[in-house]
Protein backbone atom coordinates (compact mmCIF):
# COMPACT_ATOMS: atom_id res chain seq x y z
CA MET A 1 27.02 25.30 -6.15
CA LYS A 2 24.81 24.02 -3.33
CA ASN A 3 21.90 23.58 -5.76
CA ILE A 4 24.08 21.60 -8.16
CA THR A 5 25.28 19.37 -5.32
CA ALA A 6 21.69 18.76 -4.23
CA ILE A 7 20.70 17.79 -7.78
CA VAL A 8 23.65 15.39 -8.00
CA ALA A 9 22.60 13.81 -4.69
CA LEU A 10 19.03 13.42 -5.97
CA VAL A 11 20.14 11.72 -9.19
CA ALA A 12 22.58 9.47 -7.34
CA CYS A 13 19.97 8.24 -4.88
CA ILE A 14 17.64 7.33 -7.76
CA LEU A 15 20.39 5.40 -9.55
CA ILE A 16 21.27 3.35 -6.46
CA ALA A 17 17.72 2.96 -5.13
CA PRO A 18 16.81 -0.56 -4.00
CA PRO A 19 14.12 -2.71 -5.65
CA SER A 20 10.48 -1.69 -5.73
CA ASP A 21 9.32 -4.35 -3.26
CA ALA A 22 11.51 -3.07 -0.43
CA HIS A 23 8.61 -2.88 1.99
CA THR A 24 7.27 -6.39 1.49
CA ARG A 25 8.50 -9.25 3.64
CA SER A 26 9.81 -12.64 2.63
CA GLN A 27 7.26 -14.80 4.41
CA SER A 28 5.33 -18.05 4.17
CA PHE A 29 2.63 -19.83 6.15
CA SER A 30 1.58 -23.33 7.07
CA HIS A 31 -1.37 -25.05 8.76
CA TRP A 32 -0.75 -28.33 10.56
CA HIS A 33 -3.25 -30.95 11.76
CA ILE A 34 -2.43 -34.03 13.84
CA GLU A 35 -4.57 -36.97 12.76
CA GLY A 36 -3.83 -40.26 14.52
CA GLN A 37 -0.28 -41.18 13.57
CA ALA A 38 -0.15 -38.61 10.78
CA ALA A 39 0.86 -34.96 10.60
CA VAL A 40 -0.90 -33.21 7.70
CA PHE A 41 0.10 -29.73 6.58
CA THR A 42 -0.64 -27.08 3.97
CA PHE A 43 2.15 -24.69 3.02
CA ALA A 44 1.35 -21.32 1.39
CA VAL A 45 3.63 -18.67 -0.10
CA ASP A 46 3.20 -15.72 -2.44
CA ALA A 47 3.97 -16.65 -6.04
CA ARG A 48 6.52 -13.84 -6.32
CA ARG A 49 8.41 -15.27 -3.35
CA ALA A 50 8.32 -18.74 -4.90
CA THR A 51 10.39 -17.42 -7.81
CA GLN A 52 13.26 -16.84 -5.36
CA ILE A 53 14.01 -20.55 -5.13
CA ALA A 54 14.26 -20.94 -8.91
CA GLN A 55 17.99 -20.20 -8.61
CA LEU A 56 18.42 -23.39 -6.57
CA TYR A 57 17.03 -25.79 -9.19
CA ALA A 58 16.84 -26.48 -12.88
CA PRO A 59 14.82 -23.86 -14.79
CA THR A 60 11.07 -24.50 -14.87
CA TYR A 61 7.92 -22.48 -15.38
CA ASP A 62 5.87 -24.60 -12.97
CA LEU A 63 6.23 -22.86 -9.62
CA SER A 64 4.05 -25.42 -7.88
CA ARG A 65 6.38 -28.27 -8.80
CA LEU A 66 9.37 -26.12 -7.91
CA LEU A 67 7.91 -25.46 -4.46
CA GLU A 68 7.17 -29.16 -3.98
CA GLN A 69 10.79 -30.03 -4.68
CA HIS A 70 11.98 -27.34 -2.28
CA LEU A 71 9.68 -28.49 0.54
CA ARG A 72 10.91 -32.08 0.22
CA GLU A 73 14.34 -30.75 1.18
CA THR A 74 13.33 -28.26 3.86
CA VAL A 75 10.26 -29.56 5.75
CA PHE A 76 10.62 -32.47 8.17
CA VAL A 77 8.76 -34.05 11.10
CA PHE A 78 10.52 -35.90 13.92
CA GLN A 79 9.17 -38.20 16.59
CA GLY A 80 11.91 -37.82 19.15
CA SER A 81 15.04 -38.30 17.07
CA VAL A 82 13.31 -40.53 14.51
CA PRO A 83 12.20 -38.82 11.28
CA CYS A 84 8.64 -39.45 10.12
CA GLU A 85 8.06 -40.48 6.51
CA LEU A 86 6.76 -37.98 3.98
CA GLU A 87 4.12 -40.10 2.23
CA SER A 88 2.66 -37.49 -0.10
CA LEU A 89 3.24 -33.96 -1.30
CA GLU A 90 1.04 -32.30 -3.90
CA SER A 91 -0.39 -28.99 -5.04
CA PRO A 92 -3.64 -28.07 -6.82
CA GLY A 93 -1.59 -27.03 -9.83
CA VAL A 94 -3.81 -24.03 -10.55
CA PRO A 95 -1.83 -20.80 -11.12
CA ARG A 96 -2.65 -18.33 -8.35
CA SER A 97 -1.10 -15.34 -6.65
CA VAL A 98 -0.47 -17.63 -3.67
CA ILE A 99 0.88 -21.15 -4.22
CA THR A 100 -0.18 -23.89 -1.83
CA VAL A 101 1.25 -27.37 -1.34
CA SER A 102 -0.23 -30.06 0.92
CA GLY A 103 1.80 -32.80 2.56
CA HIS A 104 1.27 -35.88 4.73
CA PHE A 105 3.81 -37.25 7.21
CA SER A 106 3.34 -40.71 8.73
CA CYS A 107 5.06 -41.59 12.02
CA ALA A 108 5.95 -45.11 13.12
CA GLY A 109 4.39 -45.20 16.59
CA PRO A 110 1.78 -43.41 18.69
CA MET A 111 2.16 -39.65 18.79
CA ALA A 112 4.37 -38.65 21.70
CA ASP A 113 4.99 -35.35 23.43
CA ASP A 114 8.26 -34.86 21.55
CA LEU A 115 6.69 -34.62 18.08
CA ARG A 116 8.30 -31.69 16.28
CA ALA A 117 8.43 -30.12 12.83
CA SER A 118 11.37 -28.36 11.22
CA VAL A 119 10.86 -25.78 8.45
CA THR A 120 13.85 -24.10 6.76
CA ALA A 121 12.12 -23.25 3.48
CA PHE A 122 13.43 -20.15 1.67
CA GLN A 123 16.17 -19.52 4.23
CA ALA A 124 18.85 -20.45 1.68
CA VAL A 125 17.79 -17.58 -0.59
CA SER A 126 16.47 -15.16 2.06
CA PRO A 127 18.12 -15.33 5.51
CA THR A 128 15.49 -12.94 6.90
CA HIS A 129 12.61 -15.13 5.72
CA ILE A 130 9.82 -15.57 8.28
CA HIS A 131 7.53 -18.58 8.40
CA ILE A 132 4.37 -18.61 10.51
CA ALA A 133 2.98 -22.04 11.44
CA ARG A 134 -0.41 -22.74 12.96
CA VAL A 135 -0.84 -26.16 14.58
CA ASP A 136 -4.23 -27.72 15.39
CA ASN A 137 -3.86 -30.77 17.60
CA SER A 138 -7.35 -32.11 18.39
CA GLY A 139 -8.71 -28.58 18.78
CA VAL A 140 -5.72 -27.25 20.73
CA VAL A 141 -4.27 -24.49 18.56
CA SER A 142 -0.75 -23.09 18.81
CA GLU A 143 1.04 -20.57 16.62
CA HIS A 144 4.78 -20.36 15.99
CA VAL A 145 7.13 -17.94 14.27
CA VAL A 146 9.95 -19.72 12.45
CA ARG A 147 13.10 -17.99 11.22
CA GLU A 148 16.79 -18.72 10.67
CA GLY A 149 18.24 -20.18 13.86
CA ARG A 150 14.79 -21.08 15.14
CA SER A 151 13.37 -23.52 12.62
CA SER A 152 11.93 -26.21 14.91
CA PHE A 153 8.56 -26.11 16.69
CA ALA A 154 6.34 -28.50 18.63
CA LEU A 155 3.38 -30.17 16.95
CA GLN A 156 1.68 -31.00 20.25
CA ALA A 157 0.46 -28.70 23.00
CA ASP A 158 -1.65 -29.21 26.11
CA ARG A 159 -3.29 -25.80 25.79
CA PRO A 160 -3.67 -23.07 23.15
CA ALA A 161 -0.49 -21.03 22.81
CA THR A 162 0.80 -18.11 20.79
CA ASP A 163 4.48 -17.43 20.24
CA LEU A 164 4.19 -13.89 21.63
CA TRP A 165 7.94 -13.26 21.74
CA GLY A 166 8.20 -14.58 18.21
CA PHE A 167 5.60 -12.09 16.98
CA ILE A 168 7.32 -9.26 18.88
CA ALA A 169 10.59 -10.19 17.17
CA THR A 170 8.76 -10.32 13.83
CA GLY A 171 7.40 -6.81 14.33
CA PHE A 172 10.83 -5.58 15.41
CA THR A 173 12.58 -6.99 12.36
CA HIS A 174 9.71 -5.83 10.14
CA VAL A 175 10.80 -2.27 10.86
CA LEU A 176 14.56 -2.64 11.07
CA SER A 177 14.88 -4.81 7.95
CA GLY A 178 12.55 -2.63 5.87
CA LEU A 179 14.54 0.15 4.21
CA ASP A 180 11.53 2.21 3.18
CA HIS A 181 10.12 2.01 6.72
CA LEU A 182 13.41 3.31 8.17
CA VAL A 183 13.64 6.01 5.50
CA PHE A 184 10.14 7.18 6.41
CA LEU A 185 11.08 7.36 10.10
CA LEU A 186 14.21 9.36 9.24
CA ALA A 187 12.12 11.80 7.20
CA LEU A 188 9.72 12.09 10.11
CA ALA A 189 12.58 12.86 12.50
CA LEU A 190 13.79 15.59 10.13
CA VAL A 191 10.32 17.16 10.08
CA VAL A 192 9.52 16.95 13.78
CA GLY A 193 12.77 18.19 15.23
CA ASN A 194 12.07 17.14 18.84
CA PRO A 195 11.78 13.66 20.37
CA ARG A 196 8.53 14.26 22.30
CA THR A 197 6.47 15.12 19.22
CA ALA A 198 8.17 12.31 17.31
CA ILE A 199 7.00 9.76 19.91
CA PHE A 200 3.40 10.99 19.52
CA CYS A 201 3.75 10.68 15.75
CA VAL A 202 5.20 7.17 15.71
CA THR A 203 2.59 5.98 18.23
CA GLY A 204 -0.11 7.27 15.89
CA PHE A 205 1.73 5.61 13.02
CA THR A 206 1.71 2.30 14.92
CA LEU A 207 -2.02 2.70 15.63
CA GLY A 208 -2.74 3.18 11.94
CA HIS A 209 -0.41 0.30 11.11
CA SER A 210 -2.29 -1.95 13.58
CA LEU A 211 -5.75 -1.02 12.27
CA ALA A 212 -4.79 -1.68 8.64
CA LEU A 213 -3.12 -4.99 9.50
CA ALA A 214 -6.11 -6.16 11.53
CA ALA A 215 -8.62 -5.16 8.84
CA ALA A 216 -6.67 -6.95 6.11
CA THR A 217 -5.96 -10.14 8.04
CA LEU A 218 -9.60 -10.38 9.15
CA GLY A 219 -10.66 -10.11 5.52
CA TRP A 220 -12.51 -6.79 5.89
CA VAL A 221 -10.39 -5.18 3.19
CA GLU A 222 -8.22 -6.56 0.40
CA PRO A 223 -5.28 -4.21 -0.24
CA ASN A 224 -4.08 -3.73 -3.80
CA GLU A 225 -0.41 -4.48 -3.13
CA ARG A 226 0.90 -2.53 -6.11
CA LEU A 227 -1.02 0.63 -5.23
CA ILE A 228 -0.22 0.36 -1.54
CA GLU A 229 3.49 -0.04 -2.21
CA ALA A 230 3.39 3.00 -4.50
CA MET A 231 1.55 5.04 -1.86
CA ILE A 232 4.27 4.12 0.66
CA GLY A 233 6.77 5.75 -1.69
CA PHE A 234 4.51 8.80 -1.86
CA THR A 235 4.33 9.10 1.95
CA ILE A 236 8.13 9.06 2.09
CA ALA A 237 8.46 11.74 -0.59
CA VAL A 238 5.83 14.06 0.88
CA THR A 239 7.31 13.74 4.39
CA ALA A 240 10.80 14.52 3.07
CA LEU A 241 9.39 17.51 1.18
CA GLU A 242 7.85 18.73 4.45
CA ALA A 243 11.31 18.47 6.00
CA GLY A 244 12.75 20.51 3.13
CA VAL A 245 10.08 23.18 3.63
CA HIS A 246 10.98 23.37 7.31
CA HIS A 247 14.55 24.11 6.24
CA GLY A 248 13.94 26.88 3.74
CA LEU A 249 11.96 25.74 0.67
CA ASP A 250 9.01 27.87 -0.41
CA ARG A 251 6.07 25.83 0.87
CA ARG A 252 3.43 26.71 -1.69
CA ARG A 253 5.69 26.37 -4.73
CA ALA A 254 7.29 23.14 -3.53
CA PHE A 255 4.02 21.33 -2.87
CA ARG A 256 2.38 22.60 -6.05
CA ALA A 257 5.31 21.28 -8.08
CA PHE A 258 5.14 17.96 -6.25
CA SER A 259 1.38 17.81 -6.85
CA ALA A 260 1.95 18.20 -10.59
CA LEU A 261 4.71 15.56 -10.51
CA THR A 262 2.42 13.13 -8.65
CA LEU A 263 -0.35 13.56 -11.20
CA LEU A 264 2.09 13.15 -14.08
CA VAL A 265 3.50 9.90 -12.66
CA ALA A 266 0.00 8.47 -12.18
CA VAL A 267 -1.48 9.35 -15.59
CA LEU A 268 1.57 9.03 -17.85
CA PRO A 269 1.37 5.22 -18.37
CA ILE A 270 -1.94 4.71 -20.21
CA SER A 271 -1.90 1.05 -19.13
CA ASN A 272 -2.33 2.00 -15.47
CA GLY A 273 -6.10 2.20 -15.80
CA LEU A 274 -8.69 4.47 -14.23
CA SER A 275 -8.23 3.21 -10.65
CA VAL A 276 -4.54 4.15 -10.61
CA MET A 277 -5.26 7.50 -12.22
CA ALA A 278 -7.97 8.18 -9.62
CA ILE A 279 -5.57 7.34 -6.77
CA GLY A 280 -2.93 9.54 -8.38
CA ALA A 281 -5.39 12.43 -8.70
CA ALA A 282 -6.35 12.05 -5.02
CA LEU A 283 -2.68 12.04 -3.93
CA ALA A 284 -1.95 15.06 -6.13
CA LEU A 285 -4.89 16.89 -4.56
CA TYR A 286 -3.57 16.01 -1.09
CA ALA A 287 -0.11 17.37 -1.97
CA TYR A 288 -1.65 20.55 -3.36
CA ALA A 289 -3.82 21.05 -0.24
CA THR A 290 -0.81 20.43 2.02
CA GLY A 291 0.94 23.35 0.35
CA CYS A 292 -1.89 25.62 1.48
CA PHE A 293 -1.21 24.89 5.16
CA SER A 294 0.93 27.18 7.22
CA ALA A 295 4.00 25.71 8.92
CA SER A 296 2.27 25.76 12.32
CA GLN A 297 -0.86 24.08 10.92
CA ALA A 298 1.22 21.34 9.31
CA THR A 299 3.04 20.70 12.60
CA THR A 300 -0.24 20.53 14.53
CA LEU A 301 -1.73 18.06 12.06
CA LEU A 302 1.40 15.91 11.85
CA PRO A 303 0.32 13.22 14.41
CA LEU A 304 -2.99 12.78 12.55
CA ILE A 305 -1.22 12.63 9.20
CA THR A 306 1.29 10.04 10.40
CA THR A 307 -1.60 7.93 11.71
CA ALA A 308 -3.10 7.99 8.20
CA PHE A 309 0.31 7.11 6.74
CA GLY A 310 0.44 4.21 9.21
CA LEU A 311 -2.72 2.84 7.61
CA VAL A 312 -0.91 2.79 4.26
CA HIS A 313 2.26 1.15 5.59
CA GLY A 314 0.25 -1.43 7.58
CA ALA A 315 -1.72 -2.36 4.49
CA GLY A 316 1.60 -2.85 2.70
CA PHE A 317 2.67 -5.51 5.17
CA ALA A 318 -0.81 -7.05 5.28
CA GLY A 319 -0.79 -7.44 1.51
CA GLY A 320 1.25 -10.61 1.94
CA LEU A 321 -1.36 -12.01 4.32
CA LYS A 322 -4.45 -11.48 2.19
CA GLU A 323 -4.61 -15.10 1.02
CA ALA A 324 -3.61 -16.61 4.37
CA THR A 325 -6.24 -17.36 7.01
CA ILE A 326 -3.73 -18.00 9.76
CA PHE A 327 -4.76 -14.97 11.80
CA ARG A 328 -8.52 -15.20 11.30
CA SER A 329 -8.87 -16.69 14.75
CA GLU A 330 -6.73 -16.09 17.80
CA ILE A 331 -5.84 -12.73 16.22
CA LEU A 332 -5.42 -10.60 19.35
CA MET A 333 -2.13 -11.96 20.67
CA PRO A 334 -0.32 -12.14 17.31
CA LEU A 335 -1.35 -8.58 16.47
CA LEU A 336 -0.44 -7.37 19.96
CA GLY A 337 3.00 -8.98 19.81
CA PHE A 338 3.67 -7.80 16.27
CA ASN A 339 2.76 -4.20 16.99
CA ILE A 340 4.70 -4.12 20.26
CA GLY A 341 7.72 -5.12 18.18
CA VAL A 342 6.93 -2.42 15.61
CA GLU A 343 6.68 0.27 18.28
CA LEU A 344 9.90 -0.81 20.03
CA ALA A 345 11.83 -0.81 16.76
CA GLN A 346 10.50 2.61 15.80
CA LEU A 347 11.51 4.07 19.15
CA CYS A 348 14.98 2.54 18.78
CA ALA A 349 15.29 4.04 15.30
CA LEU A 350 14.24 7.46 16.57
CA VAL A 351 16.83 7.31 19.36
CA VAL A 352 19.50 6.72 16.72
CA PHE A 353 18.19 9.42 14.36
CA PHE A 354 17.95 12.07 17.06
CA SER A 355 21.42 11.14 18.34
CA LEU A 356 23.07 11.61 14.94
CA PRO A 357 23.11 15.46 14.95
CA TRP A 358 24.63 15.46 18.43
CA ILE A 359 27.30 12.99 17.33
CA VAL A 360 28.06 15.05 14.20
CA ARG A 361 28.47 18.23 16.26
CA LEU A 362 30.64 16.42 18.80
CA LYS A 363 32.95 14.63 16.39
CA SER A 364 33.27 17.08 13.49
CA SER A 365 32.82 20.64 12.33
CA ILE A 366 30.27 19.76 9.67
CA ASP A 367 27.22 22.02 9.56
CA VAL A 368 24.28 19.85 10.68
CA ALA A 369 21.83 22.04 8.75
CA ILE A 370 23.61 21.25 5.48
CA VAL A 371 23.57 17.52 6.24
CA THR A 372 19.86 17.75 7.04
CA ASN A 373 19.13 19.53 3.76
CA TYR A 374 20.98 16.93 1.72
CA ALA A 375 19.30 14.12 3.64
CA SER A 376 15.91 15.61 2.80
CA VAL A 377 16.84 15.75 -0.88
CA VAL A 378 18.02 12.14 -0.95
CA ILE A 379 14.95 10.86 0.91
CA PHE A 380 12.66 12.84 -1.39
CA GLY A 381 14.40 11.30 -4.39
CA LEU A 382 14.00 7.78 -3.00
CA GLY A 383 10.33 8.34 -2.25
CA CYS A 384 9.64 9.69 -5.74
CA PHE A 385 11.58 6.85 -7.33
CA TRP A 386 9.70 4.17 -5.36
CA PHE A 387 6.37 5.86 -6.11
CA ALA A 388 7.00 5.94 -9.86
CA GLN A 389 8.67 2.53 -10.08
CA ARG A 390 5.92 0.75 -8.18
CA LEU A 391 3.24 2.29 -10.39
CA TRP A 392 5.05 1.73 -13.68
CA ILE A 393 6.44 -1.79 -13.24
C-alpha cells in the first residue's frame, strides 16, 4: 500500500509540475548616457521574455516593434516634475536571442540634479520582474536595481555608486521566488539531516553559484541555457534520490536505475544532437558512480558535490546575462550584494525546512519519517520531470 501511495505521489507531482523555465528570472537591462540636454538609453531583454508582453497588444510576429510600443508606455525621464520628450525609439530589427531598443529623451533646460528615469517595463505581466540599469554620466557610473514599487532612479550622480541593497534584495528574491532552487534546498535538508552540515553545504553551493555567475557575466564562458536548466533538474533528482537512499532505498540498485533513466532521457530524442547525448552520458556515469559510494563516503563528499551543483545553478541564472555587458566593469559590488542575498535566503529556507519536522511532531501524531519519504519521492519526480522536459522541449 505504501508503494502504491508513493507511485501516486510521483505521478501527481509530474502532472502538476510548473513550467520548464522555473529557474530563469524575468529580467531586463538598460544602459543610460547623459549627453548635454539628452538622456540616451539602450534597453535589452531576452526574446523569450519579450513574448510575455504580447498579451497586452494586438498580435504581431515582430517582437522588436512590440517591445518599442511597450517601452513608449513604460519608460519615462523627468526633470524635476517635468517630463522630458521621447524624440526617438528604434531597434536594429535583426532577430536575435536578445532584443535591444535604443531611445533618446530630450529635456527642456540644463540638466539638473533632480533628473530621474522611471522604468516599469514588464511589471504588468510579471510582478517579480527585475530591471538593472547602468547610468554613465560623464564617466561617473552608477548601477540601479528596479522592481515593482521601486521603479524610479537618478540619472545623475556625483560619484560612482552601486545599489548594493538592491543587489542583495535581488539575490534574496532569486532564491525565494525560484521554485526549483527551493526544491533543491529542501532535498538537501532531507539528505543532510543536521543544520551544521547543511550550512557548510549551502555555503559551498553559494561559492559555486558565485564562481559560475562571475565567469558568465565576465564573458569567460557562455552557458547553454537549455542544457544548464536540464542539469538543474538532474541535480534536484539525484539529491532527492540520495535522501531516499538515506531512508531505506537500496543504494546501488537505486542509482543504477537512475543512471539508466538519465541515459534514456538524453538519447531518446534523436534531434538532441551529440552534445546533449554526451552530457547525458556524463550525467549517467556520475549517477552510476555515486551508487558505488558508501553512505559515509557520500556524506563526506556532500559539501564538495553541492559546490559543483552550485556551479550549475549559478550558470542557470547567468544564462540570462550572457548578452548583457552591464556587469563587465564594476563587477565586484554587484556580485557581492547578489551572493549575500543568495546566502541569506538559503539560510532562511533551511531554518524553515529544519523547523518543519519539529512543528509536525509538536502539532500532530504524523510519522515524520513517512512524510520525509513521500517528500523525497515528490522531489525526485519533479527533478526527473524538469530534466526530461528541459531536454525535450
